[in-house]
């Protein structure tokens, strides 16, 4: 799967559904069969994972040590609110009210599709986050991408977990 690409404006209907834009539906992996998992993002937004990607992400979490409090806490926070969704015949997803409330989404939604996920944002929050663009974006790009380290990390699709303590050698979970 090559990943998603695009930024889309959508409306939440009265039944708390969003219609995925046709351009985005065309990018969905066939093997996901229209199934998703939605959960809280690290900032105040939601993240939609195609079901196949969710399984890959949670396989990484399965490697955490359940006897380490930090690992248990992270797994709980990560899974908090996670809900399986399925596209209906109209190409819509029904989003849970509790998650919409968390993200501050009332009627309009910005979908930011990149890599293997789709972020769902309240437009005002999205604009506020992106209005804090670093003064020197070129410098930030050099720091993040310029040393070639990103090539090594690109194989590690789960960079969000890099700050967790390493598992002891020989441990399986």
C-alpha atoms as a PDB file:
ATOM      1  CA  UNK A   1       0.000   0.000   0.000  1.00  0.00           C
ATOM      2  CA  UNK A   2       1.499   3.339  -1.022  1.00  0.00           C
ATOM      3  CA  UNK A   3      -0.511   5.419   1.404  1.00  0.00           C
ATOM      4  CA  UNK A   4      -3.083   8.158   1.324  1.00  0.00           C
ATOM      5  CA  UNK A   5      -2.727  11.646  -0.034  1.00  0.00           C
ATOM      6  CA  UNK A   6      -4.971  14.660   0.215  1.00  0.00           C
ATOM      7  CA  UNK A   7      -6.791  17.209   2.303  1.00  0.00           C
ATOM      8  CA  UNK A   8     -10.577  17.201   2.113  1.00  0.00           C
ATOM      9  CA  UNK A   9     -13.397  19.266   3.598  1.00  0.00           C
ATOM     10  CA  UNK A  10     -16.477  17.285   4.627  1.00  0.00           C
ATOM     11  CA  UNK A  11     -19.713  17.857   6.487  1.00  0.00           C
ATOM     12  CA  UNK A  12     -20.982  15.809   9.392  1.00  0.00           C
ATOM     13  CA  UNK A  13     -24.630  14.971   8.775  1.00  0.00           C
ATOM     14  CA  UNK A  14     -27.383  14.940  11.413  1.00  0.00           C
ATOM     15  CA  UNK A  15     -26.739  11.228  12.057  1.00  0.00           C
ATOM     16  CA  UNK A  16     -23.025  11.898  12.792  1.00  0.00           C
ATOM     17  CA  UNK A  17     -21.826  10.451   9.482  1.00  0.00           C
ATOM     18  CA  UNK A  18     -19.193  11.736   7.112  1.00  0.00           C
ATOM     19  CA  UNK A  19     -19.165  10.855   3.434  1.00  0.00           C
ATOM     20  CA  UNK A  20     -15.644   9.984   2.378  1.00  0.00           C
ATOM     21  CA  UNK A  21     -14.825  11.934  -0.789  1.00  0.00           C
ATOM     22  CA  UNK A  22     -14.653   9.804  -3.937  1.00  0.00           C
ATOM     23  CA  UNK A  23     -10.988  10.739  -4.448  1.00  0.00           C
ATOM     24  CA  UNK A  24     -10.199   9.329  -1.017  1.00  0.00           C
ATOM     25  CA  UNK A  25     -12.336   6.203  -1.441  1.00  0.00           C
ATOM     26  CA  UNK A  26     -10.338   5.389  -4.589  1.00  0.00           C
ATOM     27  CA  UNK A  27      -7.191   5.279  -2.449  1.00  0.00           C
ATOM     28  CA  UNK A  28      -8.571   2.751   0.049  1.00  0.00           C
ATOM     29  CA  UNK A  29      -6.751  -0.565   0.133  1.00  0.00           C
ATOM     30  CA  UNK A  30      -8.927  -3.320  -1.306  1.00  0.00           C
ATOM     31  CA  UNK A  31      -7.964  -5.708   1.470  1.00  0.00           C
ATOM     32  CA  UNK A  32      -9.475  -3.387   4.112  1.00  0.00           C
ATOM     33  CA  UNK A  33     -12.918  -4.057   2.567  1.00  0.00           C
ATOM     34  CA  UNK A  34     -14.288  -0.675   3.665  1.00  0.00           C
ATOM     35  CA  UNK A  35     -13.550  -1.384   7.327  1.00  0.00           C
ATOM     36  CA  UNK A  36     -11.813   1.138   9.576  1.00  0.00           C
ATOM     37  CA  UNK A  37     -10.909   1.745  13.171  1.00  0.00           C
ATOM     38  CA  UNK A  38     -11.214   5.274  14.507  1.00  0.00           C
ATOM     39  CA  UNK A  39      -9.556   6.438  17.691  1.00  0.00           C
ATOM     40  CA  UNK A  40      -8.177   9.502  19.408  1.00  0.00           C
ATOM     41  CA  UNK A  41      -5.120  11.136  17.907  1.00  0.00           C
ATOM     42  CA  UNK A  42      -2.212  12.405  19.984  1.00  0.00           C
ATOM     43  CA  UNK A  43      -3.507  15.937  19.553  1.00  0.00           C
ATOM     44  CA  UNK A  44      -7.193  16.867  19.736  1.00  0.00           C
ATOM     45  CA  UNK A  45      -8.291  15.049  16.579  1.00  0.00           C
ATOM     46  CA  UNK A  46      -9.371  11.594  15.427  1.00  0.00           C
ATOM     47  CA  UNK A  47      -7.431   9.074  13.370  1.00  0.00           C
ATOM     48  CA  UNK A  48      -9.034   6.693  10.882  1.00  0.00           C
ATOM     49  CA  UNK A  49      -7.025   3.581  10.133  1.00  0.00           C
ATOM     50  CA  UNK A  50      -8.005   1.131   7.409  1.00  0.00           C
ATOM     51  CA  UNK A  51      -8.620  -2.106   9.305  1.00  0.00           C
ATOM     52  CA  UNK A  52      -5.545  -3.754   7.792  1.00  0.00           C
ATOM     53  CA  UNK A  53      -3.341  -0.881   8.997  1.00  0.00           C
ATOM     54  CA  UNK A  54      -4.931  -0.988  12.462  1.00  0.00           C
ATOM     55  CA  UNK A  55      -3.922  -4.637  12.704  1.00  0.00           C
ATOM     56  CA  UNK A  56      -0.319  -3.728  11.831  1.00  0.00           C
ATOM     57  CA  UNK A  57      -0.243  -0.949  14.427  1.00  0.00           C
ATOM     58  CA  UNK A  58      -1.746  -3.083  17.166  1.00  0.00           C
ATOM     59  CA  UNK A  59       0.711  -5.884  16.365  1.00  0.00           C
ATOM     60  CA  UNK A  60       3.408  -3.455  17.515  1.00  0.00           C
ATOM     61  CA  UNK A  61       1.473  -2.807  20.719  1.00  0.00           C
ATOM     62  CA  UNK A  62       1.213  -6.540  21.308  1.00  0.00           C
ATOM     63  CA  UNK A  63       4.997  -6.540  21.749  1.00  0.00           C
ATOM     64  CA  UNK A  64       4.779  -4.268  24.794  1.00  0.00           C
ATOM     65  CA  UNK A  65       5.503  -5.815  28.167  1.00  0.00           C
ATOM     66  CA  UNK A  66       2.271  -5.987  30.204  1.00  0.00           C
ATOM     67  CA  UNK A  67       4.326  -6.060  33.414  1.00  0.00           C
ATOM     68  CA  UNK A  68       5.700  -2.555  32.756  1.00  0.00           C
ATOM     69  CA  UNK A  69       3.294   0.163  33.911  1.00  0.00           C
ATOM     70  CA  UNK A  70       4.345   2.627  31.210  1.00  0.00           C
ATOM     71  CA  UNK A  71       3.580   0.016  28.554  1.00  0.00           C
ATOM     72  CA  UNK A  72       0.150  -0.760  30.020  1.00  0.00           C
ATOM     73  CA  UNK A  73      -0.667   2.941  30.324  1.00  0.00           C
ATOM     74  CA  UNK A  74       0.326   3.625  26.732  1.00  0.00           C
ATOM     75  CA  UNK A  75      -1.730   0.685  25.425  1.00  0.00           C
ATOM     76  CA  UNK A  76      -4.777   1.867  27.390  1.00  0.00           C
ATOM     77  CA  UNK A  77      -4.492   5.469  26.215  1.00  0.00           C
ATOM     78  CA  UNK A  78      -3.925   4.368  22.650  1.00  0.00           C
ATOM     79  CA  UNK A  79      -6.967   2.079  22.595  1.00  0.00           C
ATOM     80  CA  UNK A  80      -9.233   4.440  24.524  1.00  0.00           C
ATOM     81  CA  UNK A  81     -12.298   5.055  22.377  1.00  0.00           C
ATOM     82  CA  UNK A  82     -11.107   2.876  19.488  1.00  0.00           C
ATOM     83  CA  UNK A  83     -14.153   1.855  17.481  1.00  0.00           C
ATOM     84  CA  UNK A  84     -14.530  -0.322  14.412  1.00  0.00           C
ATOM     85  CA  UNK A  85     -16.422   1.323  11.535  1.00  0.00           C
ATOM     86  CA  UNK A  86     -17.627   0.197   8.138  1.00  0.00           C
ATOM     87  CA  UNK A  87     -18.434   2.236   5.046  1.00  0.00           C
ATOM     88  CA  UNK A  88     -22.142   2.090   4.292  1.00  0.00           C
ATOM     89  CA  UNK A  89     -23.530   1.797   0.761  1.00  0.00           C
ATOM     90  CA  UNK A  90     -23.400   5.602   0.452  1.00  0.00           C
ATOM     91  CA  UNK A  91     -19.656   5.708   1.250  1.00  0.00           C
ATOM     92  CA  UNK A  92     -20.313   7.129   4.728  1.00  0.00           C
ATOM     93  CA  UNK A  93     -18.829   6.386   8.135  1.00  0.00           C
ATOM     94  CA  UNK A  94     -20.793   6.766  11.365  1.00  0.00           C
ATOM     95  CA  UNK A  95     -18.503   8.429  13.916  1.00  0.00           C
ATOM     96  CA  UNK A  96     -19.058   7.924  17.662  1.00  0.00           C
ATOM     97  CA  UNK A  97     -20.392  11.013  19.440  1.00  0.00           C
ATOM     98  CA  UNK A  98     -17.910  10.622  22.293  1.00  0.00           C
ATOM     99  CA  UNK A  99     -14.971  10.775  19.896  1.00  0.00           C
ATOM    100  CA  UNK A 100     -16.482  13.702  17.993  1.00  0.00           C
ATOM    101  CA  UNK A 101     -16.852  15.559  21.298  1.00  0.00           C
ATOM    102  CA  UNK A 102     -13.206  14.816  22.165  1.00  0.00           C
ATOM    103  CA  UNK A 103     -12.081  16.291  18.826  1.00  0.00           C
ATOM    104  CA  UNK A 104     -14.447  19.269  19.024  1.00  0.00           C
ATOM    105  CA  UNK A 105     -16.025  18.285  15.705  1.00  0.00           C
ATOM    106  CA  UNK A 106     -19.544  19.697  15.341  1.00  0.00           C
ATOM    107  CA  UNK A 107     -20.478  19.943  11.667  1.00  0.00           C
ATOM    108  CA  UNK A 108     -17.503  20.518   9.379  1.00  0.00           C
ATOM    109  CA  UNK A 109     -14.554  18.116   9.247  1.00  0.00           C
ATOM    110  CA  UNK A 110     -11.130  18.399   7.650  1.00  0.00           C
ATOM    111  CA  UNK A 111      -9.696  15.058   6.544  1.00  0.00           C
ATOM    112  CA  UNK A 112      -5.913  15.049   6.240  1.00  0.00           C
ATOM    113  CA  UNK A 113      -4.888  11.841   4.497  1.00  0.00           C
ATOM    114  CA  UNK A 114      -1.236  10.848   4.570  1.00  0.00           C
ATOM    115  CA  UNK A 115       0.850   7.714   5.008  1.00  0.00           C
ATOM    116  CA  UNK A 116      -1.506   4.950   6.152  1.00  0.00           C
ATOM    117  CA  UNK A 117      -3.996   7.063   8.117  1.00  0.00           C
ATOM    118  CA  UNK A 118      -6.628   9.750   7.798  1.00  0.00           C
ATOM    119  CA  UNK A 119      -6.766  12.449  10.453  1.00  0.00           C
ATOM    120  CA  UNK A 120     -10.152  14.045  11.206  1.00  0.00           C
ATOM    121  CA  UNK A 121     -10.015  17.622  12.492  1.00  0.00           C
ATOM    122  CA  UNK A 122     -12.334  20.384  13.535  1.00  0.00           C
ATOM    123  CA  UNK A 123     -11.474  23.090  10.939  1.00  0.00           C
ATOM    124  CA  UNK A 124     -10.700  25.758  13.545  1.00  0.00           C
ATOM    125  CA  UNK A 125      -8.373  23.483  15.529  1.00  0.00           C
ATOM    126  CA  UNK A 126      -6.712  22.328  12.310  1.00  0.00           C
ATOM    127  CA  UNK A 127      -6.090  25.898  11.177  1.00  0.00           C
ATOM    128  CA  UNK A 128      -4.755  26.833  14.617  1.00  0.00           C
ATOM    129  CA  UNK A 129      -2.303  23.935  14.680  1.00  0.00           C
ATOM    130  CA  UNK A 130      -1.027  24.693  11.199  1.00  0.00           C
ATOM    131  CA  UNK A 131      -0.863  28.430  11.833  1.00  0.00           C
ATOM    132  CA  UNK A 132       1.969  27.653  14.248  1.00  0.00           C
ATOM    133  CA  UNK A 133       4.201  26.754  11.311  1.00  0.00           C
ATOM    134  CA  UNK A 134       7.845  26.958  12.330  1.00  0.00           C
ATOM    135  CA  UNK A 135       9.450  30.248  11.369  1.00  0.00           C
ATOM    136  CA  UNK A 136      12.107  28.357   9.486  1.00  0.00           C
ATOM    137  CA  UNK A 137      10.423  25.358   7.913  1.00  0.00           C
ATOM    138  CA  UNK A 138      13.544  24.709   5.822  1.00  0.00           C
ATOM    139  CA  UNK A 139      15.619  24.356   8.999  1.00  0.00           C
ATOM    140  CA  UNK A 140      13.079  21.966  10.500  1.00  0.00           C
ATOM    141  CA  UNK A 141      13.109  19.900   7.291  1.00  0.00           C
ATOM    142  CA  UNK A 142      16.901  19.706   7.450  1.00  0.00           C
ATOM    143  CA  UNK A 143      16.825  18.602  11.087  1.00  0.00           C
ATOM    144  CA  UNK A 144      14.203  15.930  10.469  1.00  0.00           C
ATOM    145  CA  UNK A 145      15.080  14.736   6.967  1.00  0.00           C
ATOM    146  CA  UNK A 146      18.506  16.110   6.066  1.00  0.00           C
ATOM    147  CA  UNK A 147      20.885  13.700   7.782  1.00  0.00           C
ATOM    148  CA  UNK A 148      19.715  10.615   5.946  1.00  0.00           C
ATOM    149  CA  UNK A 149      18.458   9.161   9.212  1.00  0.00           C
ATOM    150  CA  UNK A 150      14.954   9.179   7.819  1.00  0.00           C
ATOM    151  CA  UNK A 151      16.005   6.444   5.406  1.00  0.00           C
ATOM    152  CA  UNK A 152      16.847   4.135   8.297  1.00  0.00           C
ATOM    153  CA  UNK A 153      13.659   5.074  10.110  1.00  0.00           C
ATOM    154  CA  UNK A 154      11.459   4.663   7.055  1.00  0.00           C
ATOM    155  CA  UNK A 155      11.516   0.905   7.574  1.00  0.00           C
ATOM    156  CA  UNK A 156      10.185   1.498  11.064  1.00  0.00           C
ATOM    157  CA  UNK A 157       6.611   2.538  10.279  1.00  0.00           C
ATOM    158  CA  UNK A 158       5.854   2.850  13.961  1.00  0.00           C
ATOM    159  CA  UNK A 159       8.075   5.781  14.897  1.00  0.00           C
ATOM    160  CA  UNK A 160       5.436   7.000  17.367  1.00  0.00           C
ATOM    161  CA  UNK A 161       6.568   4.228  19.703  1.00  0.00           C
ATOM    162  CA  UNK A 162      10.291   5.075  19.641  1.00  0.00           C
ATOM    163  CA  UNK A 163      10.295   6.613  23.115  1.00  0.00           C
ATOM    164  CA  UNK A 164       9.030   3.476  24.802  1.00  0.00           C
ATOM    165  CA  UNK A 165      11.641   1.457  26.701  1.00  0.00           C
ATOM    166  CA  UNK A 166      13.090  -1.389  24.700  1.00  0.00           C
ATOM    167  CA  UNK A 167      11.889  -4.865  25.476  1.00  0.00           C
ATOM    168  CA  UNK A 168      14.416  -7.108  27.219  1.00  0.00           C
ATOM    169  CA  UNK A 169      16.456  -9.281  24.826  1.00  0.00           C
ATOM    170  CA  UNK A 170      14.715 -12.556  24.086  1.00  0.00           C
ATOM    171  CA  UNK A 171      11.304 -11.364  25.273  1.00  0.00           C
ATOM    172  CA  UNK A 172       8.347 -11.967  23.011  1.00  0.00           C
ATOM    173  CA  UNK A 173       5.740  -9.704  24.647  1.00  0.00           C
END
